[in-house]
Amino acid sequence: MSHQLCIIAAQRRARRLPLAHNPATRQCDLASVTSLVFIGDTIVDVRYAEPAAHL
């Protein structure tokens, strides 16, 4: 996905958090990567990284 709101919705759904939230607390910067880790059909982890943060 490439738009912040879709990424945040997927993150929150995976973490079983309500979709309603404070937009100022979003963790989704430009060039960031959110990974959903699965075992079978179950999401077991949500990982966030900013590989270009140093630029």
N, C-alpha and C. Protein backbone atom coordinates (compact mmCIF):
# COMPACT_ATOMS: atom_id res chain seq x y z
N MET A 1 0.84 -1.18 0.00
CA MET A 1 0.00 0.00 0.00
C MET A 1 0.88 1.23 0.00
N SER A 2 0.35 2.31 -0.47
CA SER A 2 1.19 3.50 -0.56
C SER A 2 0.61 4.74 0.11
N HIS A 3 -0.58 4.66 0.66
CA HIS A 3 -1.16 5.84 1.30
C HIS A 3 -1.26 5.62 2.80
N GLN A 4 -0.91 6.66 3.54
CA GLN A 4 -0.80 6.56 4.99
C GLN A 4 -2.04 5.99 5.66
N LEU A 5 -3.22 6.48 5.32
CA LEU A 5 -4.41 6.03 6.02
C LEU A 5 -4.65 4.53 5.84
N CYS A 6 -4.42 4.01 4.65
CA CYS A 6 -4.59 2.56 4.41
C CYS A 6 -3.59 1.75 5.23
N ILE A 7 -2.36 2.24 5.31
CA ILE A 7 -1.32 1.54 6.08
C ILE A 7 -1.67 1.55 7.56
N ILE A 8 -2.09 2.69 8.07
CA ILE A 8 -2.47 2.80 9.48
C ILE A 8 -3.67 1.90 9.78
N ALA A 9 -4.64 1.87 8.90
CA ALA A 9 -5.80 1.01 9.11
C ALA A 9 -5.37 -0.46 9.17
N ALA A 10 -4.46 -0.87 8.30
CA ALA A 10 -3.98 -2.26 8.31
C ALA A 10 -3.19 -2.55 9.58
N GLN A 11 -2.32 -1.61 10.01
CA GLN A 11 -1.56 -1.77 11.25
C GLN A 11 -2.51 -1.95 12.43
N ARG A 12 -3.48 -1.05 12.54
CA ARG A 12 -4.39 -1.07 13.69
C ARG A 12 -5.26 -2.32 13.68
N ARG A 13 -5.73 -2.72 12.52
CA ARG A 13 -6.53 -3.95 12.42
C ARG A 13 -5.71 -5.16 12.85
N ALA A 14 -4.46 -5.23 12.39
CA ALA A 14 -3.59 -6.35 12.74
C ALA A 14 -3.29 -6.40 14.23
N ARG A 15 -3.20 -5.23 14.86
CA ARG A 15 -2.92 -5.15 16.30
C ARG A 15 -4.20 -5.24 17.14
N ARG A 16 -5.33 -5.39 16.45
CA ARG A 16 -6.65 -5.46 17.09
C ARG A 16 -6.97 -4.21 17.91
N LEU A 17 -6.58 -3.08 17.35
CA LEU A 17 -6.88 -1.78 17.95
C LEU A 17 -8.06 -1.17 17.20
N PRO A 18 -8.80 -0.28 17.85
CA PRO A 18 -9.89 0.39 17.13
C PRO A 18 -9.32 1.25 16.01
N LEU A 19 -10.07 1.39 14.93
CA LEU A 19 -9.59 2.19 13.81
C LEU A 19 -9.55 3.68 14.16
N ALA A 20 -10.45 4.12 15.03
CA ALA A 20 -10.44 5.52 15.46
C ALA A 20 -9.17 5.78 16.28
N HIS A 21 -8.47 6.87 15.95
CA HIS A 21 -7.22 7.18 16.63
C HIS A 21 -6.88 8.66 16.41
N ASN A 22 -5.84 9.12 17.09
CA ASN A 22 -5.35 10.48 16.95
C ASN A 22 -4.33 10.49 15.79
N PRO A 23 -4.62 11.15 14.68
CA PRO A 23 -3.70 11.16 13.54
C PRO A 23 -2.29 11.66 13.88
N ALA A 24 -2.15 12.47 14.91
CA ALA A 24 -0.83 12.99 15.29
C ALA A 24 0.08 11.90 15.84
N THR A 25 -0.48 10.76 16.22
CA THR A 25 0.33 9.68 16.79
C THR A 25 0.65 8.58 15.79
N ARG A 26 0.37 8.80 14.53
CA ARG A 26 0.60 7.77 13.52
C ARG A 26 2.09 7.47 13.37
N GLN A 27 2.39 6.20 13.15
CA GLN A 27 3.76 5.78 12.86
C GLN A 27 3.79 5.33 11.41
N CYS A 28 4.04 6.28 10.51
CA CYS A 28 4.01 5.98 9.09
C CYS A 28 4.64 7.14 8.34
N ASP A 29 5.97 7.19 8.32
CA ASP A 29 6.66 8.27 7.63
C ASP A 29 6.94 7.92 6.18
N LEU A 30 7.35 8.91 5.40
CA LEU A 30 7.71 8.67 4.00
C LEU A 30 8.82 7.62 3.93
N ALA A 31 8.71 6.74 3.00
CA ALA A 31 9.68 5.66 2.75
C ALA A 31 9.78 4.68 3.90
N SER A 32 8.75 4.60 4.72
CA SER A 32 8.74 3.61 5.80
C SER A 32 8.17 2.29 5.28
N VAL A 33 8.45 1.23 6.04
CA VAL A 33 7.98 -0.10 5.66
C VAL A 33 7.27 -0.71 6.86
N THR A 34 6.02 -1.10 6.66
CA THR A 34 5.27 -1.83 7.68
C THR A 34 5.15 -3.27 7.19
N SER A 35 5.56 -4.22 8.02
CA SER A 35 5.50 -5.63 7.64
C SER A 35 4.57 -6.37 8.58
N LEU A 36 3.70 -7.18 8.01
CA LEU A 36 2.85 -8.06 8.80
C LEU A 36 3.46 -9.45 8.71
N VAL A 37 3.74 -10.05 9.87
CA VAL A 37 4.37 -11.37 9.93
C VAL A 37 3.30 -12.40 10.23
N PHE A 38 3.20 -13.41 9.38
CA PHE A 38 2.17 -14.44 9.50
C PHE A 38 2.78 -15.79 9.88
N ILE A 39 2.04 -16.54 10.64
CA ILE A 39 2.23 -17.98 10.78
C ILE A 39 0.90 -18.57 10.32
N GLY A 40 0.94 -19.21 9.18
CA GLY A 40 -0.31 -19.68 8.57
C GLY A 40 -1.17 -18.48 8.22
N ASP A 41 -2.40 -18.48 8.69
CA ASP A 41 -3.32 -17.37 8.44
C ASP A 41 -3.36 -16.35 9.57
N THR A 42 -2.50 -16.53 10.58
CA THR A 42 -2.53 -15.68 11.77
C THR A 42 -1.40 -14.66 11.75
N ILE A 43 -1.74 -13.40 11.96
CA ILE A 43 -0.73 -12.35 12.08
C ILE A 43 -0.12 -12.46 13.48
N VAL A 44 1.19 -12.64 13.54
CA VAL A 44 1.85 -12.80 14.83
C VAL A 44 2.70 -11.59 15.22
N ASP A 45 2.94 -10.68 14.27
CA ASP A 45 3.75 -9.51 14.59
C ASP A 45 3.51 -8.42 13.54
N VAL A 46 3.63 -7.18 13.96
CA VAL A 46 3.59 -6.04 13.06
C VAL A 46 4.90 -5.30 13.28
N ARG A 47 5.68 -5.17 12.22
CA ARG A 47 7.00 -4.53 12.32
C ARG A 47 7.02 -3.25 11.49
N TYR A 48 7.69 -2.26 12.02
CA TYR A 48 7.79 -0.95 11.37
C TYR A 48 9.25 -0.58 11.25
N ALA A 49 9.67 -0.10 10.09
CA ALA A 49 11.05 0.31 9.89
C ALA A 49 11.09 1.55 9.00
N GLU A 50 12.14 2.33 9.18
CA GLU A 50 12.40 3.51 8.35
C GLU A 50 13.80 3.37 7.75
N PRO A 51 13.95 2.55 6.71
CA PRO A 51 15.27 2.29 6.17
C PRO A 51 15.98 3.52 5.58
N ALA A 52 15.25 4.55 5.22
CA ALA A 52 15.86 5.76 4.65
C ALA A 52 15.84 6.93 5.65
N ALA A 53 15.65 6.64 6.92
CA ALA A 53 15.52 7.70 7.93
C ALA A 53 16.77 8.58 8.00
N HIS A 54 17.91 8.04 7.70
CA HIS A 54 19.16 8.80 7.79
C HIS A 54 19.34 9.82 6.66
N LEU A 55 18.50 9.74 5.65
CA LEU A 55 18.65 10.65 4.50
C LEU A 55 18.05 12.01 4.75
